[in-house]
Amino acid sequence: MQSAQHQACWSLLIGYLKLNFDGASITNAFWRWGFVLRNHLGDVVLVSAKHNYSPIDAATEEARACMP
């Protein structure tokens, strides 16, 4: 049986940006979140990470990653 090989490639239209963000809990009271913004070539345009000391749920912390 042959194994299929997949090559990852960046496939975003010229002039568009891609935003990825995530949040995670270290403890119930300590959260971190961040984001990376890439152009159509996959080059990093902007990146940021922050932390918070409050007991908030994961969905809220991930949303904070998108806030300015």
PDB file of N, CA and C in Angstrom:
ATOM      1  N   MET A   1       0.836  -1.172   0.000  1.00  0.00           N
ATOM      2  CA  MET A   1       0.000   0.000   0.000  1.00  0.00           C
ATOM      3  C   MET A   1       0.884   1.238   0.000  1.00  0.00           C
ATOM      4  N   GLN A   2       0.577   2.192  -0.839  1.00  0.00           N
ATOM      5  CA  GLN A   2       1.352   3.418  -0.925  1.00  0.00           C
ATOM      6  C   GLN A   2       0.837   4.424   0.096  1.00  0.00           C
ATOM      7  N   SER A   3       1.766   5.179   0.642  1.00  0.00           N
ATOM      8  CA  SER A   3       1.354   6.223   1.586  1.00  0.00           C
ATOM      9  C   SER A   3       1.214   7.547   0.847  1.00  0.00           C
ATOM     10  N   ALA A   4       0.168   8.252   1.157  1.00  0.00           N
ATOM     11  CA  ALA A   4      -0.074   9.550   0.516  1.00  0.00           C
ATOM     12  C   ALA A   4       0.739  10.620   1.220  1.00  0.00           C
ATOM     13  N   GLN A   5       1.367  11.466   0.436  1.00  0.00           N
ATOM     14  CA  GLN A   5       2.126  12.576   0.993  1.00  0.00           C
ATOM     15  C   GLN A   5       1.394  13.870   0.672  1.00  0.00           C
ATOM     16  N   HIS A   6       1.250  14.692   1.678  1.00  0.00           N
ATOM     17  CA  HIS A   6       0.593  15.983   1.510  1.00  0.00           C
ATOM     18  C   HIS A   6       1.597  17.077   1.813  1.00  0.00           C
ATOM     19  N   GLN A   7       1.682  18.029   0.921  1.00  0.00           N
ATOM     20  CA  GLN A   7       2.582  19.141   1.131  1.00  0.00           C
ATOM     21  C   GLN A   7       1.753  20.362   1.519  1.00  0.00           C
ATOM     22  N   ALA A   8       2.075  20.938   2.664  1.00  0.00           N
ATOM     23  CA  ALA A   8       1.356  22.122   3.111  1.00  0.00           C
ATOM     24  C   ALA A   8       1.776  23.315   2.267  1.00  0.00           C
ATOM     25  N   CYS A   9       0.810  24.116   1.896  1.00  0.00           N
ATOM     26  CA  CYS A   9       1.132  25.316   1.133  1.00  0.00           C
ATOM     27  C   CYS A   9       0.220  26.453   1.562  1.00  0.00           C
ATOM     28  N   TRP A  10       0.706  27.649   1.401  1.00  0.00           N
ATOM     29  CA  TRP A  10      -0.048  28.839   1.727  1.00  0.00           C
ATOM     30  C   TRP A  10      -0.920  29.179   0.532  1.00  0.00           C
ATOM     31  N   SER A  11      -2.219  29.300   0.715  1.00  0.00           N
ATOM     32  CA  SER A  11      -3.104  29.544  -0.416  1.00  0.00           C
ATOM     33  C   SER A  11      -4.114  30.647  -0.102  1.00  0.00           C
ATOM     34  N   LEU A  12      -3.615  31.830   0.122  1.00  0.00           N
ATOM     35  CA  LEU A  12      -4.464  32.973   0.408  1.00  0.00           C
ATOM     36  C   LEU A  12      -4.388  33.933  -0.776  1.00  0.00           C
ATOM     37  N   LEU A  13      -5.483  34.581  -1.093  1.00  0.00           N
ATOM     38  CA  LEU A  13      -5.527  35.490  -2.221  1.00  0.00           C
ATOM     39  C   LEU A  13      -4.682  36.739  -1.965  1.00  0.00           C
ATOM     40  N   ILE A  14      -4.085  37.270  -3.010  1.00  0.00           N
ATOM     41  CA  ILE A  14      -3.275  38.478  -2.903  1.00  0.00           C
ATOM     42  C   ILE A  14      -4.136  39.613  -2.358  1.00  0.00           C
ATOM     43  N   GLY A  15      -3.583  40.340  -1.404  1.00  0.00           N
ATOM     44  CA  GLY A  15      -4.305  41.451  -0.794  1.00  0.00           C
ATOM     45  C   GLY A  15      -5.083  41.073   0.451  1.00  0.00           C
ATOM     46  N   TYR A  16      -5.161  39.787   0.769  1.00  0.00           N
ATOM     47  CA  TYR A  16      -5.876  39.328   1.955  1.00  0.00           C
ATOM     48  C   TYR A  16      -4.891  38.982   3.064  1.00  0.00           C
ATOM     49  N   LEU A  17      -5.364  39.068   4.294  1.00  0.00           N
ATOM     50  CA  LEU A  17      -4.585  38.686   5.466  1.00  0.00           C
ATOM     51  C   LEU A  17      -5.291  37.542   6.175  1.00  0.00           C
ATOM     52  N   LYS A  18      -4.514  36.704   6.869  1.00  0.00           N
ATOM     53  CA  LYS A  18      -5.081  35.594   7.640  1.00  0.00           C
ATOM     54  C   LYS A  18      -4.759  35.813   9.109  1.00  0.00           C
ATOM     55  N   LEU A  19      -5.773  35.695   9.963  1.00  0.00           N
ATOM     56  CA  LEU A  19      -5.633  35.884  11.398  1.00  0.00           C
ATOM     57  C   LEU A  19      -5.832  34.553  12.107  1.00  0.00           C
ATOM     58  N   ASN A  20      -4.870  34.170  12.930  1.00  0.00           N
ATOM     59  CA  ASN A  20      -4.995  32.997  13.798  1.00  0.00           C
ATOM     60  C   ASN A  20      -4.836  33.463  15.237  1.00  0.00           C
ATOM     61  N   PHE A  21      -5.696  32.970  16.132  1.00  0.00           N
ATOM     62  CA  PHE A  21      -5.584  33.346  17.533  1.00  0.00           C
ATOM     63  C   PHE A  21      -5.930  32.160  18.409  1.00  0.00           C
ATOM     64  N   ASP A  22      -5.472  32.224  19.659  1.00  0.00           N
ATOM     65  CA  ASP A  22      -5.731  31.135  20.591  1.00  0.00           C
ATOM     66  C   ASP A  22      -5.604  31.655  22.008  1.00  0.00           C
ATOM     67  N   GLY A  23      -6.249  30.978  22.934  1.00  0.00           N
ATOM     68  CA  GLY A  23      -6.151  31.291  24.351  1.00  0.00           C
ATOM     69  C   GLY A  23      -5.967  29.995  25.131  1.00  0.00           C
ATOM     70  N   ALA A  24      -5.312  30.096  26.284  1.00  0.00           N
ATOM     71  CA  ALA A  24      -5.065  28.902  27.093  1.00  0.00           C
ATOM     72  C   ALA A  24      -4.999  29.273  28.566  1.00  0.00           C
ATOM     73  N   SER A  25      -5.348  28.325  29.398  1.00  0.00           N
ATOM     74  CA  SER A  25      -5.307  28.524  30.839  1.00  0.00           C
ATOM     75  C   SER A  25      -4.105  27.793  31.420  1.00  0.00           C
ATOM     76  N   ILE A  26      -3.316  28.501  32.197  1.00  0.00           N
ATOM     77  CA  ILE A  26      -2.207  27.887  32.927  1.00  0.00           C
ATOM     78  C   ILE A  26      -2.759  27.307  34.230  1.00  0.00           C
ATOM     79  N   THR A  27      -3.559  28.112  34.925  1.00  0.00           N
ATOM     80  CA  THR A  27      -4.325  27.680  36.098  1.00  0.00           C
ATOM     81  C   THR A  27      -5.718  28.284  35.932  1.00  0.00           C
ATOM     82  N   ASN A  28      -6.605  28.042  36.847  1.00  0.00           N
ATOM     83  CA  ASN A  28      -7.947  28.617  36.736  1.00  0.00           C
ATOM     84  C   ASN A  28      -7.942  30.137  36.831  1.00  0.00           C
ATOM     85  N   ALA A  29      -6.878  30.719  37.371  1.00  0.00           N
ATOM     86  CA  ALA A  29      -6.833  32.170  37.545  1.00  0.00           C
ATOM     87  C   ALA A  29      -5.822  32.846  36.623  1.00  0.00           C
ATOM     88  N   PHE A  30      -5.088  32.108  35.803  1.00  0.00           N
ATOM     89  CA  PHE A  30      -4.059  32.699  34.954  1.00  0.00           C
ATOM     90  C   PHE A  30      -4.262  32.264  33.508  1.00  0.00           C
ATOM     91  N   TRP A  31      -4.522  33.216  32.641  1.00  0.00           N
ATOM     92  CA  TRP A  31      -4.800  32.942  31.232  1.00  0.00           C
ATOM     93  C   TRP A  31      -3.793  33.637  30.333  1.00  0.00           C
ATOM     94  N   ARG A  32      -3.515  33.032  29.171  1.00  0.00           N
ATOM     95  CA  ARG A  32      -2.686  33.655  28.144  1.00  0.00           C
ATOM     96  C   ARG A  32      -3.413  33.562  26.820  1.00  0.00           C
ATOM     97  N   TRP A  33      -3.200  34.546  25.965  1.00  0.00           N
ATOM     98  CA  TRP A  33      -3.775  34.501  24.632  1.00  0.00           C
ATOM     99  C   TRP A  33      -2.876  35.261  23.682  1.00  0.00           C
ATOM    100  N   GLY A  34      -3.050  35.001  22.412  1.00  0.00           N
ATOM    101  CA  GLY A  34      -2.240  35.688  21.424  1.00  0.00           C
ATOM    102  C   GLY A  34      -2.797  35.510  20.024  1.00  0.00           C
ATOM    103  N   PHE A  35      -2.185  36.235  19.087  1.00  0.00           N
ATOM    104  CA  PHE A  35      -2.602  36.126  17.692  1.00  0.00           C
ATOM    105  C   PHE A  35      -1.408  36.344  16.772  1.00  0.00           C
ATOM    106  N   VAL A  36      -1.562  35.886  15.536  1.00  0.00           N
ATOM    107  CA  VAL A  36      -0.591  36.157  14.471  1.00  0.00           C
ATOM    108  C   VAL A  36      -1.383  36.504  13.207  1.00  0.00           C
ATOM    109  N   LEU A  37      -0.941  37.554  12.534  1.00  0.00           N
ATOM    110  CA  LEU A  37      -1.558  38.020  11.297  1.00  0.00           C
ATOM    111  C   LEU A  37      -0.533  37.846  10.186  1.00  0.00           C
ATOM    112  N   ARG A  38      -0.915  37.115   9.125  1.00  0.00           N
ATOM    113  CA  ARG A  38       0.007  36.820   8.020  1.00  0.00           C
ATOM    114  C   ARG A  38      -0.553  37.348   6.701  1.00  0.00           C
ATOM    115  N   ASN A  39       0.358  37.685   5.782  1.00  0.00           N
ATOM    116  CA  ASN A  39      -0.078  38.137   4.458  1.00  0.00           C
ATOM    117  C   ASN A  39      -0.265  36.950   3.525  1.00  0.00           C
ATOM    118  N   HIS A  40      -0.547  37.213   2.261  1.00  0.00           N
ATOM    119  CA  HIS A  40      -0.842  36.139   1.310  1.00  0.00           C
ATOM    120  C   HIS A  40       0.359  35.242   1.026  1.00  0.00           C
ATOM    121  N   LEU A  41       1.565  35.685   1.390  1.00  0.00           N
ATOM    122  CA  LEU A  41       2.763  34.856   1.217  1.00  0.00           C
ATOM    123  C   LEU A  41       3.077  34.025   2.459  1.00  0.00           C
ATOM    124  N   GLY A  42       2.356  34.272   3.529  1.00  0.00           N
ATOM    125  CA  GLY A  42       2.605  33.573   4.782  1.00  0.00           C
ATOM    126  C   GLY A  42       3.563  34.320   5.692  1.00  0.00           C
ATOM    127  N   ASP A  43       3.989  35.520   5.283  1.00  0.00           N
ATOM    128  CA  ASP A  43       4.880  36.330   6.107  1.00  0.00           C
ATOM    129  C   ASP A  43       4.108  36.937   7.270  1.00  0.00           C
ATOM    130  N   VAL A  44       4.732  36.993   8.441  1.00  0.00           N
ATOM    131  CA  VAL A  44       4.100  37.580   9.614  1.00  0.00           C
ATOM    132  C   VAL A  44       4.029  39.094   9.439  1.00  0.00           C
ATOM    133  N   VAL A  45       2.830  39.648   9.605  1.00  0.00           N
ATOM    134  CA  VAL A  45       2.607  41.084   9.521  1.00  0.00           C
ATOM    135  C   VAL A  45       2.544  41.677  10.927  1.00  0.00           C
ATOM    136  N   LEU A  46       1.877  40.972  11.844  1.00  0.00           N
ATOM    137  CA  LEU A  46       1.689  41.447  13.209  1.00  0.00           C
ATOM    138  C   LEU A  46       1.497  40.250  14.130  1.00  0.00           C
ATOM    139  N   VAL A  47       2.055  40.336  15.328  1.00  0.00           N
ATOM    140  CA  VAL A  47       1.896  39.270  16.312  1.00  0.00           C
ATOM    141  C   VAL A  47       1.809  39.903  17.699  1.00  0.00           C
ATOM    142  N   SER A  48       1.042  39.281  18.596  1.00  0.00           N
ATOM    143  CA  SER A  48       0.917  39.801  19.949  1.00  0.00           C
ATOM    144  C   SER A  48       0.526  38.670  20.899  1.00  0.00           C
ATOM    145  N   ALA A  49       0.897  38.827  22.155  1.00  0.00           N
ATOM    146  CA  ALA A  49       0.507  37.873  23.199  1.00  0.00           C
ATOM    147  C   ALA A  49       0.324  38.649  24.501  1.00  0.00           C
ATOM    148  N   LYS A  50      -0.639  38.227  25.299  1.00  0.00           N
ATOM    149  CA  LYS A  50      -0.926  38.886  26.571  1.00  0.00           C
ATOM    150  C   LYS A  50      -1.322  37.843  27.605  1.00  0.00           C
ATOM    151  N   HIS A  51      -1.459  38.289  28.857  1.00  0.00           N
ATOM    152  CA  HIS A  51      -1.951  37.393  29.905  1.00  0.00           C
ATOM    153  C   HIS A  51      -2.924  38.144  30.803  1.00  0.00           C
ATOM    154  N   ASN A  52      -3.684  37.389  31.576  1.00  0.00           N
ATOM    155  CA  ASN A  52      -4.720  37.947  32.425  1.00  0.00           C
ATOM    156  C   ASN A  52      -4.814  37.110  33.698  1.00  0.00           C
ATOM    157  N   TYR A  53      -5.028  37.767  34.830  1.00  0.00           N
ATOM    158  CA  TYR A  53      -5.159  37.076  36.112  1.00  0.00           C
ATOM    159  C   TYR A  53      -6.595  37.071  36.607  1.00  0.00           C
ATOM    160  N   SER A  54      -7.509  36.575  35.815  1.00  0.00           N
ATOM    161  CA  SER A  54      -8.892  36.493  36.278  1.00  0.00           C
ATOM    162  C   SER A  54      -9.513  35.178  35.821  1.00  0.00           C
ATOM    163  N   PRO A  55     -10.393  34.609  36.617  1.00  0.00           N
ATOM    164  CA  PRO A  55     -11.020  33.330  36.272  1.00  0.00           C
ATOM    165  C   PRO A  55     -12.134  33.494  35.242  1.00  0.00           C
ATOM    166  N   ILE A  56     -11.769  33.513  33.972  1.00  0.00           N
ATOM    167  CA  ILE A  56     -12.723  33.675  32.879  1.00  0.00           C
ATOM    168  C   ILE A  56     -12.638  32.426  32.005  1.00  0.00           C
ATOM    169  N   ASP A  57     -13.705  32.129  31.282  1.00  0.00           N
ATOM    170  CA  ASP A  57     -13.742  30.916  30.466  1.00  0.00           C
ATOM    171  C   ASP A  57     -12.865  31.043  29.213  1.00  0.00           C
ATOM    172  N   ALA A  58     -12.568  29.909  28.596  1.00  0.00           N
ATOM    173  CA  ALA A  58     -11.671  29.851  27.439  1.00  0.00           C
ATOM    174  C   ALA A  58     -12.204  30.643  26.246  1.00  0.00           C
ATOM    175  N   ALA A  59     -13.497  30.591  25.982  1.00  0.00           N
ATOM    176  CA  ALA A  59     -14.064  31.311  24.834  1.00  0.00           C
ATOM    177  C   ALA A  59     -13.856  32.818  24.978  1.00  0.00           C
ATOM    178  N   THR A  60     -14.009  33.342  26.179  1.00  0.00           N
ATOM    179  CA  THR A  60     -13.798  34.768  26.417  1.00  0.00           C
ATOM    180  C   THR A  60     -12.338  35.137  26.205  1.00  0.00           C
ATOM    181  N   GLU A  61     -11.429  34.320  26.689  1.00  0.00           N
ATOM    182  CA  GLU A  61     -10.001  34.604  26.527  1.00  0.00           C
ATOM    183  C   GLU A  61      -9.588  34.543  25.059  1.00  0.00           C
ATOM    184  N   GLU A  62     -10.131  33.615  24.294  1.00  0.00           N
ATOM    185  CA  GLU A  62      -9.813  33.561  22.864  1.00  0.00           C
ATOM    186  C   GLU A  62     -10.349  34.799  22.164  1.00  0.00           C
ATOM    187  N   ALA A  63     -11.518  35.278  22.577  1.00  0.00           N
ATOM    188  CA  ALA A  63     -12.069  36.500  21.993  1.00  0.00           C
ATOM    189  C   ALA A  63     -11.185  37.697  22.306  1.00  0.00           C
ATOM    190  N   ARG A  64     -10.581  37.713  23.486  1.00  0.00           N
ATOM    191  CA  ARG A  64      -9.686  38.818  23.862  1.00  0.00           C
ATOM    192  C   ARG A  64      -8.464  38.888  22.946  1.00  0.00           C
ATOM    193  N   ALA A  65      -8.079  37.763  22.380  1.00  0.00           N
ATOM    194  CA  ALA A  65      -6.933  37.752  21.471  1.00  0.00           C
ATOM    195  C   ALA A  65      -7.198  38.602  20.236  1.00  0.00           C
ATOM    196  N   CYS A  66      -8.458  38.811  19.897  1.00  0.00           N
ATOM    197  CA  CYS A  66      -8.835  39.617  18.722  1.00  0.00           C
ATOM    198  C   CYS A  66      -9.016  41.084  19.048  1.00  0.00           C
ATOM    199  N   MET A  67      -9.057  41.427  20.310  1.00  0.00           N
ATOM    200  CA  MET A  67      -9.298  42.816  20.685  1.00  0.00           C
ATOM    201  C   MET A  67      -8.025  43.642  20.533  1.00  0.00           C
ATOM    202  N   PRO A  68      -8.168  44.906  20.135  1.00  0.00           N
ATOM    203  CA  PRO A  68      -6.988  45.769  19.999  1.00  0.00           C
ATOM    204  C   PRO A  68      -6.380  46.109  21.337  1.00  0.00           C
TER     205      PRO A  68
END
